Amino acid sequence: MTDSPAPTPTFSAIVLGGDRSPDDPLVRAAGVCCKALVPVAGTPMVLRVLDALGRSPWVRERLLCGPPREAWQDHPAMQGAIAISGAPSTPHSDDTPRWLDNAATPSLSAVRAMARIPPERPVLLTTADHALLNRSIVDYFCSRALATGLGDRYDYDVLVTLARHGDVTAAYPGVRRTALRFCDEAYSGCNLFAFLTPAGRRIADFWTRVESQRKNPFRVVGAAGWIAVLRYLLGRLTLAEGLRRISRRLDLRIGAVILPFPEAAVDVDTIQDWRLVERIVAGRNTPLEASPG
């Protein structure tokens, strides 16, 4: 039996790496000047994210929005890994991640980066604190996202990623992740999104506002309307119904991919998250590249 041919690189990937105040407890504890440079196993977590994307055959280019250039220009590892978009000349190869200055908000940074990508090309969006992202997660999501359509005709404009909350807490006892509790299942967000169509890109600003409220499930569900909130409070709202209501509200087709990787729901937002991720990478918990089965 011969191996299946490698997929044609399809996605342009955007990593949001906007700065965080040096006064943030996580930044101070790590001894760095911004969140994206917090080291995990000795490597800035933003470089771990870019490396995971670069290992996937589904990804054709990588754009990094932030952190500000002055935050990383003297960092040897960052200097060797990042090309500055728009520079007149650079020794980097074409597949080197390109850096763009971040805008005032994550949503504006995403919009700015998407403007550099042909409208017909699917976009993969994630964040610099997704330190446990790996090729298995990226490949799984990309392959399933593209399987929702034929050619450039997709069943969805936007896809979000979720992990079953029970899987996350079972894999990492004591971890604190926000749960969206629907009547059929509870889920945690995974900070990985696909914009499959030009129309889908227009919700970048909306989705970033919702994601900024991810600690408050009622506000997230509220994006689907007050009827959805009531049904959620009564324990009668399913994930599918919530997605249908949001889709109608925004006049878009929004779907979800459930990831079988509990580590996909663990980002580095606090000192406790950082310590957990360090333990996982050190091999004292679930291996990163383990197959889901």
Protein backbone atom coordinates (compact mmCIF):
# COMPACT_ATOMS: atom_id res chain seq x y z
CA MET A 1 0.00 0.00 0.00
CA THR A 2 1.38 3.38 -0.95
CA ASP A 3 1.12 6.48 1.22
CA SER A 4 -1.57 9.00 0.39
CA PRO A 5 -0.25 12.07 -1.43
CA ALA A 6 0.41 15.09 0.75
CA PRO A 7 -2.33 17.72 0.66
CA THR A 8 -1.79 20.86 -1.35
CA PRO A 9 -1.06 23.79 0.99
CA THR A 10 -4.31 25.70 1.15
CA PHE A 11 -4.56 27.89 4.25
CA SER A 12 -2.91 31.18 5.04
CA ALA A 13 -2.38 31.23 8.80
CA ILE A 14 -2.60 34.31 10.99
CA VAL A 15 -1.24 34.37 14.53
CA LEU A 16 -2.41 37.19 16.78
CA GLY A 17 0.48 38.11 19.04
CA GLY A 18 -0.50 41.52 20.35
CA ASP A 19 1.40 42.89 23.30
CA ARG A 20 0.35 42.62 26.92
CA SER A 21 1.31 45.07 29.66
CA PRO A 22 4.70 44.40 31.30
CA ASP A 23 2.81 44.72 34.60
CA ASP A 24 0.82 41.57 33.88
CA PRO A 25 1.64 38.90 36.51
CA LEU A 26 2.39 36.27 33.84
CA VAL A 27 4.78 38.56 31.97
CA ARG A 28 6.55 39.54 35.21
CA ALA A 29 6.85 35.93 36.37
CA ALA A 30 8.37 34.88 33.05
CA GLY A 31 10.84 37.78 33.08
CA VAL A 32 9.97 38.89 29.54
CA CYS A 33 8.64 42.12 28.07
CA CYS A 34 5.46 40.74 26.46
CA LYS A 35 3.19 37.72 26.67
CA ALA A 36 4.09 36.22 23.28
CA LEU A 37 7.70 35.78 24.43
CA VAL A 38 6.82 33.77 27.55
CA PRO A 39 9.08 30.71 27.21
CA VAL A 40 7.78 27.16 27.20
CA ALA A 41 10.55 24.57 27.41
CA GLY A 42 12.96 27.41 26.66
CA THR A 43 11.22 28.57 23.46
CA PRO A 44 8.96 31.63 23.19
CA MET A 45 5.46 30.27 22.90
CA VAL A 46 4.76 32.35 19.79
CA LEU A 47 7.56 30.44 18.02
CA ARG A 48 6.04 27.15 19.15
CA VAL A 49 2.76 28.19 17.51
CA LEU A 50 4.48 29.27 14.29
CA ASP A 51 6.47 26.02 14.23
CA ALA A 52 3.31 23.92 14.61
CA LEU A 53 1.68 25.74 11.70
CA GLY A 54 4.83 25.46 9.59
CA ARG A 55 4.93 21.68 10.05
CA SER A 56 1.45 21.22 8.59
CA PRO A 57 1.26 20.51 4.85
CA TRP A 58 -2.10 22.32 4.82
CA VAL A 59 -0.55 25.72 5.58
CA ARG A 60 1.11 27.72 2.81
CA GLU A 61 2.07 30.96 4.58
CA ARG A 62 2.17 32.35 8.10
CA LEU A 63 1.54 35.94 9.21
CA LEU A 64 2.31 37.12 12.73
CA CYS A 65 0.48 40.24 13.94
CA GLY A 66 2.56 41.68 16.79
CA PRO A 67 4.09 41.86 19.26
CA PRO A 68 5.60 45.31 18.63
CA ARG A 69 8.94 45.14 16.87
CA GLU A 70 10.81 46.77 19.73
CA ALA A 71 9.68 43.91 21.98
CA TRP A 72 11.50 41.24 19.98
CA GLN A 73 14.06 42.92 17.72
CA ASP A 74 16.91 42.07 20.13
CA HIS A 75 15.68 38.52 20.79
CA PRO A 76 18.04 36.13 18.91
CA ALA A 77 15.50 33.35 18.39
CA MET A 78 12.87 35.76 17.09
CA GLN A 79 15.35 37.56 14.83
CA GLY A 80 16.28 34.30 13.15
CA ALA A 81 12.71 33.11 12.70
CA ILE A 82 10.71 36.15 11.57
CA ALA A 83 10.78 38.22 8.40
CA ILE A 84 9.44 41.77 8.44
CA SER A 85 6.65 42.17 5.91
CA GLY A 86 7.35 44.96 3.45
CA ALA A 87 11.09 45.07 4.09
CA PRO A 88 13.02 45.91 0.87
CA SER A 89 15.28 42.90 1.21
CA THR A 90 15.54 39.96 3.53
CA PRO A 91 17.68 36.82 3.76
CA HIS A 92 14.67 34.77 4.82
CA SER A 93 13.07 32.16 2.58
CA ASP A 94 9.56 32.47 1.20
CA ASP A 95 8.13 30.16 3.87
CA THR A 96 9.49 32.26 6.74
CA PRO A 97 6.71 33.72 8.91
CA ARG A 98 6.13 37.40 8.12
CA TRP A 99 5.66 39.92 10.90
CA LEU A 100 3.09 42.73 10.76
CA ASP A 101 2.69 45.42 13.34
CA ASN A 102 -0.42 44.75 15.38
CA ALA A 103 -3.36 47.13 15.32
CA ALA A 104 -5.17 48.64 18.30
CA THR A 105 -7.34 45.56 18.87
CA PRO A 106 -7.11 41.85 17.97
CA SER A 107 -10.02 42.21 15.55
CA LEU A 108 -8.36 45.09 13.69
CA SER A 109 -5.10 43.11 13.57
CA ALA A 110 -6.96 40.18 12.00
CA VAL A 111 -8.65 42.43 9.46
CA ARG A 112 -5.31 44.05 8.55
CA ALA A 113 -3.66 40.67 8.04
CA MET A 114 -6.57 39.27 6.02
CA ALA A 115 -6.33 42.26 3.67
CA ARG A 116 -2.94 40.87 2.58
CA ILE A 117 -4.41 37.48 1.71
CA PRO A 118 -6.31 36.80 -1.54
CA PRO A 119 -10.04 36.75 -0.71
CA GLU A 120 -10.59 33.31 -2.20
CA ARG A 121 -7.98 31.69 0.06
CA PRO A 122 -9.12 30.09 3.34
CA VAL A 123 -7.63 31.64 6.46
CA LEU A 124 -6.61 29.87 9.66
CA LEU A 125 -6.56 32.14 12.74
CA THR A 126 -5.03 31.42 16.13
CA THR A 127 -3.22 33.19 18.97
CA ALA A 128 0.36 33.35 20.20
CA ASP A 129 -0.58 31.86 23.58
CA HIS A 130 -1.76 28.59 22.00
CA ALA A 131 1.49 27.02 23.23
CA LEU A 132 0.32 23.39 22.98
CA LEU A 133 -0.70 23.68 19.34
CA ASN A 134 0.92 20.95 17.26
CA ARG A 135 0.80 19.55 13.76
CA SER A 136 -1.74 16.85 14.70
CA ILE A 137 -4.24 19.49 15.81
CA VAL A 138 -3.65 21.69 12.76
CA ASP A 139 -3.88 18.79 10.31
CA TYR A 140 -7.04 17.46 11.92
CA PHE A 141 -8.81 20.81 11.81
CA CYS A 142 -7.70 21.79 8.32
CA SER A 143 -8.63 18.45 6.76
CA ARG A 144 -12.09 18.52 8.30
CA ALA A 145 -12.64 22.15 7.43
CA LEU A 146 -11.90 21.52 3.77
CA ALA A 147 -14.01 18.35 3.80
CA THR A 148 -17.08 20.54 4.35
CA GLY A 149 -17.03 21.63 0.72
CA LEU A 150 -15.92 20.86 -2.80
CA GLY A 151 -13.32 23.08 -4.41
CA ASP A 152 -14.05 26.63 -3.32
CA ARG A 153 -17.69 25.91 -2.43
CA TYR A 154 -17.96 25.26 1.29
CA ASP A 155 -20.89 24.37 3.51
CA TYR A 156 -19.72 26.94 6.06
CA ASP A 157 -18.29 30.45 5.96
CA VAL A 158 -16.67 30.14 9.38
CA LEU A 159 -15.65 27.20 11.55
CA VAL A 160 -14.77 27.36 15.23
CA THR A 161 -13.04 24.70 17.30
CA LEU A 162 -14.24 23.21 20.55
CA ALA A 163 -13.10 20.43 22.86
CA ARG A 164 -15.37 18.49 25.16
CA HIS A 165 -14.99 20.04 28.58
CA GLY A 166 -15.09 16.62 30.23
CA ASP A 167 -12.17 15.45 28.11
CA VAL A 168 -10.14 18.49 29.13
CA THR A 169 -10.75 18.10 32.85
CA ALA A 170 -10.16 14.34 32.67
CA ALA A 171 -6.82 14.83 30.92
CA TYR A 172 -5.73 17.66 33.21
CA PRO A 173 -7.37 17.30 36.65
CA GLY A 174 -7.71 20.63 38.37
CA VAL A 175 -7.37 22.71 35.21
CA ARG A 176 -9.72 25.68 35.13
CA ARG A 177 -11.31 26.17 31.72
CA THR A 178 -14.50 28.06 30.98
CA ALA A 179 -17.30 25.71 29.93
CA LEU A 180 -20.15 26.40 27.54
CA ARG A 181 -22.77 24.04 28.96
CA PHE A 182 -25.33 22.99 26.38
CA CYS A 183 -27.98 20.40 27.06
CA ASP A 184 -26.19 17.82 24.95
CA GLU A 185 -22.57 18.50 26.06
CA ALA A 186 -20.26 21.04 27.70
CA TYR A 187 -17.45 22.47 25.59
CA SER A 188 -14.37 24.64 25.93
CA GLY A 189 -13.07 26.91 23.18
CA CYS A 190 -9.76 26.17 21.47
CA ASN A 191 -8.69 29.52 19.94
CA LEU A 192 -8.48 28.12 16.42
CA PHE A 193 -10.76 29.40 13.66
CA ALA A 194 -11.17 28.95 9.91
CA PHE A 195 -12.56 31.62 7.59
CA LEU A 196 -13.38 29.60 4.50
CA THR A 197 -15.09 32.21 2.32
CA PRO A 198 -14.72 35.93 1.66
CA ALA A 199 -18.06 36.50 3.41
CA GLY A 200 -16.79 34.74 6.49
CA ARG A 201 -14.06 37.30 7.03
CA ARG A 202 -16.53 40.00 7.95
CA ILE A 203 -17.24 38.42 11.33
CA ALA A 204 -13.63 38.85 12.50
CA ASP A 205 -14.56 41.89 14.53
CA PHE A 206 -17.69 40.26 15.96
CA TRP A 207 -15.99 37.03 16.90
CA THR A 208 -13.10 38.80 18.61
CA ARG A 209 -15.60 40.71 20.75
CA VAL A 210 -17.30 37.46 21.68
CA GLU A 211 -13.99 35.74 22.37
CA SER A 212 -13.00 38.60 24.69
CA GLN A 213 -16.01 37.57 26.78
CA ARG A 214 -15.09 33.88 26.81
CA LYS A 215 -14.92 33.96 30.64
CA ASN A 216 -18.65 34.78 30.63
CA PRO A 217 -20.64 32.01 28.89
CA PHE A 218 -23.87 34.01 29.06
CA ARG A 219 -22.41 36.81 26.94
CA VAL A 220 -21.05 34.29 24.46
CA VAL A 221 -24.41 32.55 24.15
CA GLY A 222 -26.03 35.99 24.08
CA ALA A 223 -24.59 36.54 20.63
CA ALA A 224 -27.30 34.16 19.45
CA GLY A 225 -30.09 36.32 20.91
CA TRP A 226 -32.18 36.44 24.08
CA ILE A 227 -34.22 33.37 23.21
CA ALA A 228 -30.99 31.43 23.06
CA VAL A 229 -29.94 32.84 26.45
CA LEU A 230 -33.24 31.75 27.98
CA ARG A 231 -32.97 28.27 26.53
CA TYR A 232 -29.36 28.09 27.71
CA LEU A 233 -30.39 29.05 31.26
CA LEU A 234 -33.13 26.42 31.18
CA GLY A 235 -30.68 23.80 29.96
CA ARG A 236 -32.50 23.34 26.66
CA LEU A 237 -30.08 24.82 24.13
CA THR A 238 -28.01 22.41 22.06
CA LEU A 239 -24.75 23.38 20.40
CA ALA A 240 -26.32 22.87 16.96
CA GLU A 241 -29.22 25.18 17.81
CA GLY A 242 -26.85 27.83 19.15
CA LEU A 243 -24.83 27.75 15.94
CA ARG A 244 -27.97 27.96 13.81
CA ARG A 245 -29.19 31.00 15.74
CA ILE A 246 -25.86 32.80 15.49
CA SER A 247 -25.72 31.98 11.78
CA ARG A 248 -29.15 33.52 11.21
CA ARG A 249 -28.29 36.55 13.33
CA LEU A 250 -25.14 37.26 11.31
CA ASP A 251 -26.42 35.98 7.94
CA LEU A 252 -23.49 33.57 7.75
CA ARG A 253 -23.00 29.82 7.90
CA ILE A 254 -21.12 29.04 11.11
CA GLY A 255 -20.13 25.55 12.18
CA ALA A 256 -17.93 23.85 14.74
CA VAL A 257 -15.27 21.16 14.65
CA ILE A 258 -14.97 19.13 17.86
CA LEU A 259 -11.31 18.39 18.44
CA PRO A 260 -10.28 15.09 20.08
CA PHE A 261 -7.22 16.82 21.58
CA PRO A 262 -7.88 18.11 25.12
CA GLU A 263 -4.61 20.09 25.04
CA ALA A 264 -6.10 22.27 22.29
CA ALA A 265 -8.27 23.95 24.93
CA VAL A 266 -5.32 24.92 27.14
CA ASP A 267 -3.83 28.31 26.36
CA VAL A 268 -1.42 30.31 28.50
CA ASP A 269 -3.36 33.10 30.13
CA THR A 270 -2.19 32.87 33.74
CA ILE A 271 0.84 31.76 35.73
CA GLN A 272 -1.04 28.56 36.60
CA ASP A 273 -1.65 27.88 32.89
CA TRP A 274 2.05 28.44 32.19
CA ARG A 275 3.11 25.95 34.87
CA LEU A 276 0.65 23.36 33.56
CA VAL A 277 1.88 23.77 29.99
CA GLU A 278 5.50 23.43 31.12
CA ARG A 279 4.61 20.14 32.86
CA ILE A 280 2.80 18.85 29.78
CA VAL A 281 5.68 19.70 27.45
CA ALA A 282 8.16 18.15 29.87
CA GLY A 283 6.31 14.86 29.46
CA ARG A 284 4.72 14.70 32.90
CA ASN A 285 1.26 14.64 31.37
CA THR A 286 -0.42 13.73 28.06
CA PRO A 287 2.11 13.69 25.18
CA LEU A 288 1.55 16.49 22.69
CA GLU A 289 1.82 14.49 19.50
CA ALA A 290 -0.20 11.49 20.64
CA SER A 291 -2.71 10.25 18.11
CA PRO A 292 -6.38 10.67 19.09
CA GLY A 293 -6.95 7.09 18.11
